[in-house]
Amino acid sequence: MHPSNLLKPEWVGIIRRHVPEAEKTGKLHPNQLALVHEQGWFKFLVPAVYAGLELNLPDQVRLEESLAWANGSLGWVVTLCSGAGWFGGFIEPDAAKGIFAHPQLCLAGSGAPSGTATITEGGYIINGEWKYASGIQHATHVTANCVIKQGDETVLNGDGSPLILPFVFNREDVTIQSAWKYVGMMGTGSDAYRVDNLFVPSNRCFKIDASAAKVDGTLYYYPFMQLAEATLTANMSGMAIHFTDLCETLFADKPFRGRYNAGQQQKVQQLLNDSIDKLNQSRVDFYQSVDASWQAVSQKADSAVALKAVSTTSHTLATLARNIVDELYPYCGLIAANPDTEINQVWRDLHTASQHSLFAFAE
C-alpha cells in the first residue's frame, strides 16, 4: 500500500510544513520534534519493560518508510535514533532503567569504532571522535563504538581481531562538533561528537548479540545486520515514492506538458508508470522477505535463508529506488534543479542517504 495510509494527514502537514526551516537550522523543527515525542517514534525499538513500544520489525519498517515518504530527514532521524533505542535490549537493566526513564528520550550515535576505551577500576576511560550522528542535536544520550584497551595494549578477540564494544554516554558528557555540510538530509543534524578522558561505568558497556540480550523478546534476537538493512532500505523506498508522487503531479501539469510533443508526453508518462510498477513490485518482495524472516526468528526456526532474502531484497530495492529517481530526473526540467523546490529537496535527500556504506555494494 502507499505509505500515506499509515500517517494521519495532519501529521504529514506538520512534517512537511516545517521542512524548509529544518533545513536552515540543520535539525528537526520544534513542531516536528514535538510530534515525534507525542507519537513515541523514538521508542519504536525500546523494550516494553522500559515503557518503549517494542514494535515488531514488519510494523516498524512500514512506519519508517511512511515517515521517510513524508520527509527524508525526519524519517532518517527517527530510524537512526529509534535504532539506537534497540540497544536497550542489551544494556544492563540497572543502567537501562535510568537511561530510558528520560521523558524526552532520544539516543543518537555512530557505529564507527573511532574511539578507545581503556579498562580501569569500575569501568573505562573513553577518548575518541565520531562522525555523522543523526539526531544528536535532540539526543538525551549518545552511543559509540570503541576499541577496548588494557593499558597501551589492544584487547583481542579469539580470532586475533580487536575487541570493539559499544557504550552509552549522557548527552552532557559529549562535545558536539558542527560537521554536517552536505547537499541533502540537511534536517538530520548529523554532526560529529567527541569525548575526552571520560569515565564510563562498566554497566554502560554492552554487547550486541542475541546471546547477550538482557530482555527476552524476538526483537532482540533478530540479527542487527538485517535489521539495519531493512530499516535503511525502507527510508530509500519512502523517498523514492515521494519523488514519483511529485513526478505524477508535475507531468500532469498542463504548462509543463507543453514542453513535450504528444509522442514525448506518452513516453515520459509510460516511463513514470513503469517506474512505479517496478518500485511497488520490489517493495512487495522486500516486505515478504521481512515478514518471513520475522516469523522464522520469532518461531526459533532455521532463519538463515529468510535472513539472506532480507539482505538481497533490501539491496535490490535500495538500488532500484535510486536508479528510478535518476531515470525520471532528466524529464523534470529545471524545477528539479532548484534547491527551493520540494522535488529537488527529495532528490538531494535520497542521493545523500544512498551514500551510506550499507548501500555501496549489491550485497
Protein backbone atom coordinates (compact mmCIF):
# COMPACT_ATOMS: atom_id res chain seq x y z
CA MET A 1 0.00 0.00 0.00
CA HIS A 2 1.02 3.62 -0.36
CA PRO A 3 2.98 4.94 2.66
CA SER A 4 0.43 7.70 3.21
CA ASN A 5 -2.03 5.11 4.52
CA LEU A 6 -0.09 4.80 7.79
CA LEU A 7 0.07 8.51 8.64
CA LYS A 8 -2.69 10.94 9.55
CA PRO A 9 -2.89 13.83 7.05
CA GLU A 10 -2.36 16.33 9.86
CA TRP A 11 0.91 14.59 10.78
CA VAL A 12 2.12 14.85 7.19
CA GLY A 13 1.12 18.52 7.20
CA ILE A 14 3.17 19.23 10.32
CA ILE A 15 6.18 17.34 8.99
CA ARG A 16 6.25 18.90 5.51
CA ARG A 17 5.26 22.41 6.54
CA HIS A 18 8.42 22.80 8.58
CA VAL A 19 10.94 21.17 6.22
CA PRO A 20 12.42 24.48 4.90
CA GLU A 21 13.07 25.74 8.44
CA ALA A 22 14.55 22.38 9.48
CA GLU A 23 16.95 22.55 6.54
CA LYS A 24 18.01 26.08 7.51
CA THR A 25 18.66 25.23 11.15
CA GLY A 26 20.17 21.81 10.45
CA LYS A 27 17.87 19.90 12.81
CA LEU A 28 14.24 18.90 13.15
CA HIS A 29 11.85 21.80 13.68
CA PRO A 30 10.40 22.00 17.24
CA ASN A 31 6.92 21.17 15.91
CA GLN A 32 8.27 18.12 14.06
CA LEU A 33 10.13 17.03 17.19
CA ALA A 34 7.03 17.53 19.34
CA LEU A 35 5.10 15.22 17.01
CA VAL A 36 7.84 12.58 17.20
CA HIS A 37 7.75 12.61 21.01
CA GLU A 38 3.96 12.72 21.11
CA GLN A 39 3.73 9.58 18.96
CA GLY A 40 6.68 7.86 20.66
CA TRP A 41 8.52 7.31 17.37
CA PHE A 42 11.95 7.44 19.03
CA LYS A 43 10.79 4.49 21.15
CA PHE A 44 9.94 2.11 18.27
CA LEU A 45 12.52 -0.44 19.45
CA VAL A 46 12.85 0.40 23.14
CA PRO A 47 11.87 -2.60 25.31
CA ALA A 48 8.33 -2.50 26.66
CA VAL A 49 9.72 -3.07 30.15
CA TYR A 50 11.24 0.43 29.87
CA ALA A 51 7.99 1.96 28.55
CA GLY A 52 9.02 1.54 24.93
CA LEU A 53 6.86 0.41 22.01
CA GLU A 54 8.96 -2.70 21.24
CA LEU A 55 7.41 -2.84 17.77
CA ASN A 56 7.78 -5.97 15.70
CA LEU A 57 10.07 -5.42 12.74
CA PRO A 58 7.43 -5.67 9.96
CA ASP A 59 5.37 -2.88 11.52
CA GLN A 60 8.41 -0.76 12.28
CA VAL A 61 9.80 -0.95 8.74
CA ARG A 62 6.47 0.03 7.19
CA LEU A 63 6.15 3.02 9.52
CA GLU A 64 9.69 4.14 8.77
CA GLU A 65 9.00 4.00 5.04
CA SER A 66 5.95 6.19 5.65
CA LEU A 67 7.93 8.73 7.68
CA ALA A 68 10.67 8.89 5.04
CA TRP A 69 7.95 9.44 2.43
CA ALA A 70 6.69 12.38 4.48
CA ASN A 71 10.23 13.75 4.75
CA GLY A 72 13.62 12.14 4.32
CA SER A 73 15.36 13.92 7.19
CA LEU A 74 12.65 13.17 9.72
CA GLY A 75 12.38 9.55 8.63
CA TRP A 76 16.14 9.12 8.85
CA VAL A 77 16.42 10.68 12.32
CA VAL A 78 13.59 8.53 13.64
CA THR A 79 15.14 5.42 12.08
CA LEU A 80 18.65 6.01 13.42
CA CYS A 81 17.59 7.21 16.86
CA SER A 82 14.96 4.52 17.36
CA GLY A 83 17.59 2.06 16.12
CA ALA A 84 19.86 3.20 18.96
CA GLY A 85 16.92 2.65 21.30
CA TRP A 86 17.10 -1.04 20.29
CA PHE A 87 20.28 -1.23 22.37
CA GLY A 88 18.02 -1.16 25.41
CA GLY A 89 17.60 -4.88 24.88
CA PHE A 90 21.32 -5.37 25.57
CA ILE A 91 22.18 -2.79 28.26
CA GLU A 92 22.40 -3.93 31.86
CA PRO A 93 18.98 -3.35 33.47
CA ASP A 94 20.35 -1.29 36.35
CA ALA A 95 21.75 1.24 33.84
CA ALA A 96 18.92 0.93 31.30
CA LYS A 97 16.23 1.88 33.82
CA GLY A 98 17.83 5.29 34.35
CA ILE A 99 18.56 5.90 30.68
CA PHE A 100 15.12 5.05 29.34
CA ALA A 101 13.23 6.89 32.08
CA HIS A 102 14.03 10.23 30.42
CA PRO A 103 10.73 11.85 29.30
CA GLN A 104 12.24 13.21 26.07
CA LEU A 105 14.29 10.09 25.35
CA CYS A 106 16.40 10.16 22.19
CA LEU A 107 19.55 8.14 21.59
CA ALA A 108 21.92 9.11 18.79
CA GLY A 109 25.33 7.79 17.91
CA SER A 110 27.79 6.28 15.48
CA GLY A 111 28.78 2.74 14.63
CA ALA A 112 32.33 3.67 13.61
CA PRO A 113 34.94 2.29 16.05
CA SER A 114 36.80 5.60 16.20
CA GLY A 115 37.28 5.75 19.95
CA THR A 116 39.23 3.86 22.59
CA ALA A 117 38.02 2.52 25.93
CA THR A 118 40.80 1.81 28.39
CA ILE A 119 39.90 -0.59 31.18
CA THR A 120 40.09 0.95 34.64
CA GLU A 121 38.64 0.18 38.06
CA GLY A 122 34.85 0.03 37.81
CA GLY A 123 34.68 0.91 34.13
CA TYR A 124 36.53 2.52 31.26
CA ILE A 125 38.25 5.77 30.28
CA ILE A 126 36.91 6.83 26.88
CA ASN A 127 38.59 9.01 24.28
CA GLY A 128 37.53 9.49 20.68
CA GLU A 129 35.77 11.40 17.97
CA TRP A 130 32.86 10.13 15.89
CA LYS A 131 31.21 11.46 12.73
CA TYR A 132 27.67 11.53 11.40
CA ALA A 133 25.44 11.10 14.46
CA SER A 134 21.98 11.74 13.01
CA GLY A 135 19.67 13.45 15.50
CA ILE A 136 22.39 14.29 18.00
CA GLN A 137 21.01 17.81 18.38
CA HIS A 138 17.95 16.24 20.03
CA ALA A 139 19.74 13.46 21.92
CA THR A 140 19.44 12.76 25.64
CA HIS A 141 22.07 10.01 25.34
CA VAL A 142 24.78 9.15 22.83
CA THR A 143 26.18 5.75 21.83
CA ALA A 144 29.62 4.98 20.39
CA ASN A 145 31.79 2.02 19.44
CA CYS A 146 35.25 1.82 20.99
CA VAL A 147 38.34 -0.33 20.66
CA ILE A 148 38.99 -1.88 24.09
CA LYS A 149 42.44 -1.24 25.57
CA GLN A 150 44.27 -2.73 28.54
CA GLY A 151 46.87 -0.10 29.25
CA ASP A 152 48.57 0.57 25.94
CA GLU A 153 47.64 -2.84 24.51
CA THR A 154 44.58 -3.56 22.38
CA VAL A 155 42.41 -6.35 23.75
CA LEU A 156 41.89 -9.03 21.11
CA ASN A 157 39.10 -11.42 20.24
CA GLY A 158 39.80 -15.13 19.92
CA ASP A 159 40.48 -14.70 16.19
CA GLY A 160 43.08 -12.00 16.79
CA SER A 161 40.88 -9.06 15.77
CA PRO A 162 40.49 -6.01 18.05
CA LEU A 163 37.70 -6.22 20.60
CA ILE A 164 35.16 -3.48 19.81
CA LEU A 165 32.25 -2.77 22.13
CA PRO A 166 29.52 -0.10 22.23
CA PHE A 167 28.94 2.34 25.09
CA VAL A 168 26.23 4.79 26.03
CA PHE A 169 27.06 8.29 27.33
CA ASN A 170 24.96 11.05 28.80
CA ARG A 171 24.45 13.87 26.29
CA GLU A 172 26.11 16.42 28.61
CA ASP A 173 29.31 14.35 28.61
CA VAL A 174 29.95 14.74 24.87
CA THR A 175 31.09 17.74 22.85
CA ILE A 176 29.17 18.24 19.59
CA GLN A 177 31.16 19.50 16.62
CA SER A 178 29.49 21.07 13.59
CA ALA A 179 30.31 18.76 10.71
CA TRP A 180 27.20 18.07 8.60
CA LYS A 181 27.67 20.16 5.45
CA TYR A 182 26.14 18.07 2.69
CA VAL A 183 23.59 18.77 -0.03
CA GLY A 184 20.85 16.58 1.40
CA MET A 185 19.40 15.24 4.66
CA MET A 186 20.05 18.75 5.95
CA GLY A 187 17.44 18.49 8.69
CA THR A 188 19.10 15.47 10.32
CA GLY A 189 21.77 17.48 12.15
CA SER A 190 24.16 14.56 11.64
CA ASP A 191 27.04 16.30 13.38
CA ALA A 192 30.21 14.88 14.90
CA TYR A 193 30.96 14.49 18.59
CA ARG A 194 33.89 13.70 20.85
CA VAL A 195 34.72 12.73 24.43
CA ASP A 196 37.97 13.30 26.29
CA ASN A 197 39.11 11.15 29.22
CA LEU A 198 35.51 10.33 30.12
CA PHE A 199 34.98 7.72 32.83
CA VAL A 200 32.10 5.38 31.96
CA PRO A 201 30.97 2.68 34.41
CA SER A 202 31.03 -0.93 33.28
CA ASN A 203 27.23 -1.16 33.11
CA ARG A 204 27.22 1.43 30.31
CA CYS A 205 29.13 -1.03 28.08
CA PHE A 206 27.17 -3.74 26.27
CA LYS A 207 27.42 -6.38 23.56
CA ILE A 208 25.09 -6.65 20.57
CA ASP A 209 24.41 -10.34 20.20
CA ALA A 210 21.34 -12.47 20.76
CA SER A 211 23.25 -14.46 23.36
CA ALA A 212 23.93 -11.24 25.29
CA ALA A 213 20.34 -9.92 25.25
CA LYS A 214 19.11 -8.70 28.64
CA VAL A 215 15.48 -8.54 27.53
CA ASP A 216 13.60 -11.62 26.35
CA GLY A 217 11.91 -10.85 23.04
CA THR A 218 12.07 -11.64 19.32
CA LEU A 219 13.18 -8.08 18.58
CA TYR A 220 16.44 -8.62 20.47
CA TYR A 221 17.14 -11.99 18.91
CA TYR A 222 16.77 -10.61 15.38
CA PRO A 223 20.22 -10.02 13.79
CA PHE A 224 21.50 -6.45 13.73
CA MET A 225 22.68 -6.57 10.10
CA GLN A 226 19.31 -7.43 8.59
CA LEU A 227 17.58 -5.01 10.96
CA ALA A 228 19.85 -2.22 9.71
CA GLU A 229 19.48 -3.21 6.05
CA ALA A 230 15.70 -3.36 6.23
CA THR A 231 15.19 -0.10 8.12
CA LEU A 232 17.57 1.96 5.99
CA THR A 233 16.14 0.50 2.77
CA ALA A 234 12.66 1.49 3.90
CA ASN A 235 13.89 5.08 4.03
CA MET A 236 15.21 4.88 0.46
CA SER A 237 11.91 3.42 -0.69
CA GLY A 238 9.87 6.11 1.06
CA MET A 239 11.89 8.91 -0.52
CA ALA A 240 11.64 7.33 -3.97
CA ILE A 241 7.84 7.08 -3.64
CA HIS A 242 7.72 10.75 -2.61
CA PHE A 243 9.69 11.60 -5.75
CA THR A 244 7.39 9.59 -8.05
CA ASP A 245 4.36 11.22 -6.39
CA LEU A 246 5.79 14.63 -7.24
CA CYS A 247 6.52 13.48 -10.79
CA GLU A 248 2.88 12.44 -11.21
CA THR A 249 1.76 15.94 -10.28
CA LEU A 250 4.44 17.62 -12.36
CA PHE A 251 3.90 15.53 -15.50
CA ALA A 252 0.14 16.15 -15.35
CA ASP A 253 0.59 19.92 -15.19
CA LYS A 254 -0.65 21.44 -18.44
CA PRO A 255 2.05 24.12 -18.87
CA PHE A 256 4.72 21.53 -18.09
CA ARG A 257 3.31 19.11 -20.65
CA GLY A 258 3.63 21.85 -23.25
CA ARG A 259 7.39 21.37 -23.28
CA TYR A 260 6.92 17.98 -24.99
CA ASN A 261 5.08 16.89 -28.14
CA ALA A 262 2.40 14.20 -27.91
CA GLY A 263 4.81 11.32 -28.53
CA GLN A 264 7.26 12.59 -25.94
CA GLN A 265 4.47 13.09 -23.41
CA GLN A 266 3.41 9.49 -23.88
CA LYS A 267 6.99 8.27 -23.48
CA VAL A 268 7.52 10.23 -20.25
CA GLN A 269 4.21 9.08 -18.79
CA GLN A 270 4.93 5.46 -19.68
CA LEU A 271 8.34 5.70 -18.03
CA LEU A 272 6.71 7.00 -14.84
CA ASN A 273 4.05 4.27 -14.86
CA ASP A 274 6.66 1.56 -15.41
CA SER A 275 8.85 3.02 -12.67
CA ILE A 276 6.02 2.99 -10.14
CA ASP A 277 5.15 -0.60 -11.08
CA LYS A 278 8.76 -1.77 -10.69
CA LEU A 279 9.15 0.03 -7.40
CA ASN A 280 5.96 -1.46 -6.00
CA GLN A 281 6.86 -4.98 -7.10
CA SER A 282 10.25 -4.65 -5.43
CA ARG A 283 8.52 -3.40 -2.28
CA VAL A 284 6.28 -6.49 -2.31
CA ASP A 285 9.34 -8.76 -2.48
CA PHE A 286 11.06 -6.76 0.24
CA TYR A 287 8.15 -6.85 2.68
CA GLN A 288 7.51 -10.53 2.05
CA SER A 289 11.13 -11.27 2.99
CA VAL A 290 10.98 -9.07 6.11
CA ASP A 291 7.73 -10.71 7.23
CA ALA A 292 9.06 -14.24 6.60
CA SER A 293 12.31 -13.57 8.46
CA TRP A 294 10.47 -12.16 11.45
CA GLN A 295 8.23 -15.21 11.58
CA ALA A 296 11.24 -17.55 11.37
CA VAL A 297 13.13 -15.77 14.15
CA SER A 298 10.05 -15.50 16.38
CA GLN A 299 9.39 -19.23 15.99
CA LYS A 300 13.06 -20.03 16.66
CA ALA A 301 13.16 -21.85 13.32
CA ASP A 302 16.12 -22.03 10.94
CA SER A 303 16.15 -18.44 9.68
CA ALA A 304 19.31 -18.39 7.56
CA VAL A 305 17.53 -18.49 4.18
CA ALA A 306 14.90 -15.97 5.24
CA LEU A 307 17.53 -13.56 6.56
CA LYS A 308 19.57 -13.89 3.38
CA ALA A 309 16.43 -12.91 1.45
CA VAL A 310 16.12 -9.76 3.56
CA SER A 311 19.65 -8.75 2.61
CA THR A 312 19.05 -9.49 -1.08
CA THR A 313 15.70 -7.72 -1.38
CA SER A 314 16.94 -4.77 0.70
CA HIS A 315 19.87 -4.08 -1.60
CA THR A 316 17.72 -4.64 -4.68
CA LEU A 317 15.07 -2.16 -3.52
CA ALA A 318 17.59 0.45 -2.36
CA THR A 319 19.41 0.32 -5.70
CA LEU A 320 16.18 0.40 -7.68
CA ALA A 321 14.90 3.40 -5.69
CA ARG A 322 17.97 5.43 -6.63
CA ASN A 323 18.00 4.26 -10.26
CA ILE A 324 14.32 5.05 -10.80
CA VAL A 325 14.73 8.57 -9.45
CA ASP A 326 17.78 9.13 -11.63
CA GLU A 327 15.94 7.88 -14.71
CA LEU A 328 12.99 10.21 -14.12
CA TYR A 329 15.02 13.25 -13.09
CA PRO A 330 16.06 14.45 -16.60
CA TYR A 331 12.40 14.78 -17.61
CA CYS A 332 11.51 17.03 -14.67
CA GLY A 333 13.03 20.22 -16.06
CA LEU A 334 14.91 22.93 -14.20
CA ILE A 335 12.40 22.90 -11.36
CA ALA A 336 14.07 19.71 -10.17
CA ALA A 337 17.42 21.53 -10.01
CA ASN A 338 16.06 24.41 -7.93
CA PRO A 339 17.05 23.87 -4.26
CA ASP A 340 13.95 25.78 -3.12
CA THR A 341 11.56 23.18 -4.57
CA GLU A 342 10.21 20.08 -2.88
CA ILE A 343 11.20 17.76 -5.72
CA ASN A 344 14.80 18.93 -5.53
CA GLN A 345 14.84 18.53 -1.77
CA VAL A 346 13.65 14.92 -2.11
CA TRP A 347 16.27 14.27 -4.81
CA ARG A 348 19.01 15.69 -2.58
CA ASP A 349 17.87 13.66 0.41
CA LEU A 350 17.74 10.37 -1.46
CA HIS A 351 21.16 10.82 -3.04
CA THR A 352 22.74 11.78 0.26
CA ALA A 353 21.15 8.84 2.09
CA SER A 354 22.29 6.48 -0.68
CA GLN A 355 25.92 7.18 0.29
CA HIS A 356 25.52 5.11 3.45
CA SER A 357 28.11 2.33 3.42
CA LEU A 358 25.40 -0.37 3.54
CA PHE A 359 24.33 0.63 0.02
CA ALA A 360 27.81 0.63 -1.54
CA PHE A 361 27.60 -2.91 -2.92
CA ALA A 362 24.80 -5.13 -4.21
CA GLU A 363 25.12 -7.41 -1.15
